[in-house]
Amino acid sequence: MNLETGTVCAFFSVLENAEAWDTEYIAPMIRMLSDISEKF
């Protein structure tokens, strides 16, 4: 959530590994959502 713009982003994804987590995948997604929230 961007408190300045009031924009909230959500992203749903399913990773097909035992942990359902991948730091090499999630970090770029977080940065992308942050960038999007700053623009709107």
Protein backbone atom coordinates (compact mmCIF):
# COMPACT_ATOMS: atom_id res chain seq x y z
CA MET A 1 0.00 0.00 0.00
CA ASN A 2 1.22 3.43 -0.92
CA LEU A 3 0.06 5.80 1.82
CA GLU A 4 0.73 8.86 -0.34
CA THR A 5 -1.42 7.77 -3.27
CA GLY A 6 -3.81 5.47 -1.39
CA THR A 7 -3.13 2.74 -3.94
CA VAL A 8 -3.18 -0.90 -2.90
CA CYS A 9 -1.79 -3.66 -5.12
CA ALA A 10 -2.46 -7.36 -4.83
CA PHE A 11 -0.84 -10.25 -6.62
CA PHE A 12 -1.71 -13.94 -6.45
CA SER A 13 0.63 -16.62 -7.62
CA VAL A 14 1.07 -20.33 -7.03
CA LEU A 15 4.58 -21.72 -6.92
CA GLU A 16 4.87 -25.39 -7.61
CA ASN A 17 7.54 -26.32 -5.09
CA ALA A 18 7.35 -27.85 -1.62
CA GLU A 19 7.95 -24.54 0.15
CA ALA A 20 5.66 -22.48 -2.12
CA TRP A 21 8.28 -19.76 -1.76
CA ASP A 22 11.13 -18.52 -3.93
CA THR A 23 13.14 -15.45 -2.91
CA GLU A 24 14.44 -14.99 -6.45
CA TYR A 25 10.84 -14.77 -7.64
CA ILE A 26 9.12 -12.84 -4.84
CA ALA A 27 11.60 -9.95 -4.50
CA PRO A 28 11.07 -8.71 -8.09
CA MET A 29 7.29 -9.05 -7.63
CA ILE A 30 7.41 -6.87 -4.52
CA ARG A 31 9.49 -4.26 -6.35
CA MET A 32 7.07 -4.34 -9.29
CA LEU A 33 4.04 -3.82 -7.05
CA SER A 34 5.84 -0.98 -5.26
CA ASP A 35 6.60 0.70 -8.58
CA ILE A 36 2.98 0.32 -9.71
CA SER A 37 1.61 1.78 -6.48
CA GLU A 38 3.81 4.86 -6.89
CA LYS A 39 2.39 5.60 -10.35
CA PHE A 40 -1.32 5.54 -9.53
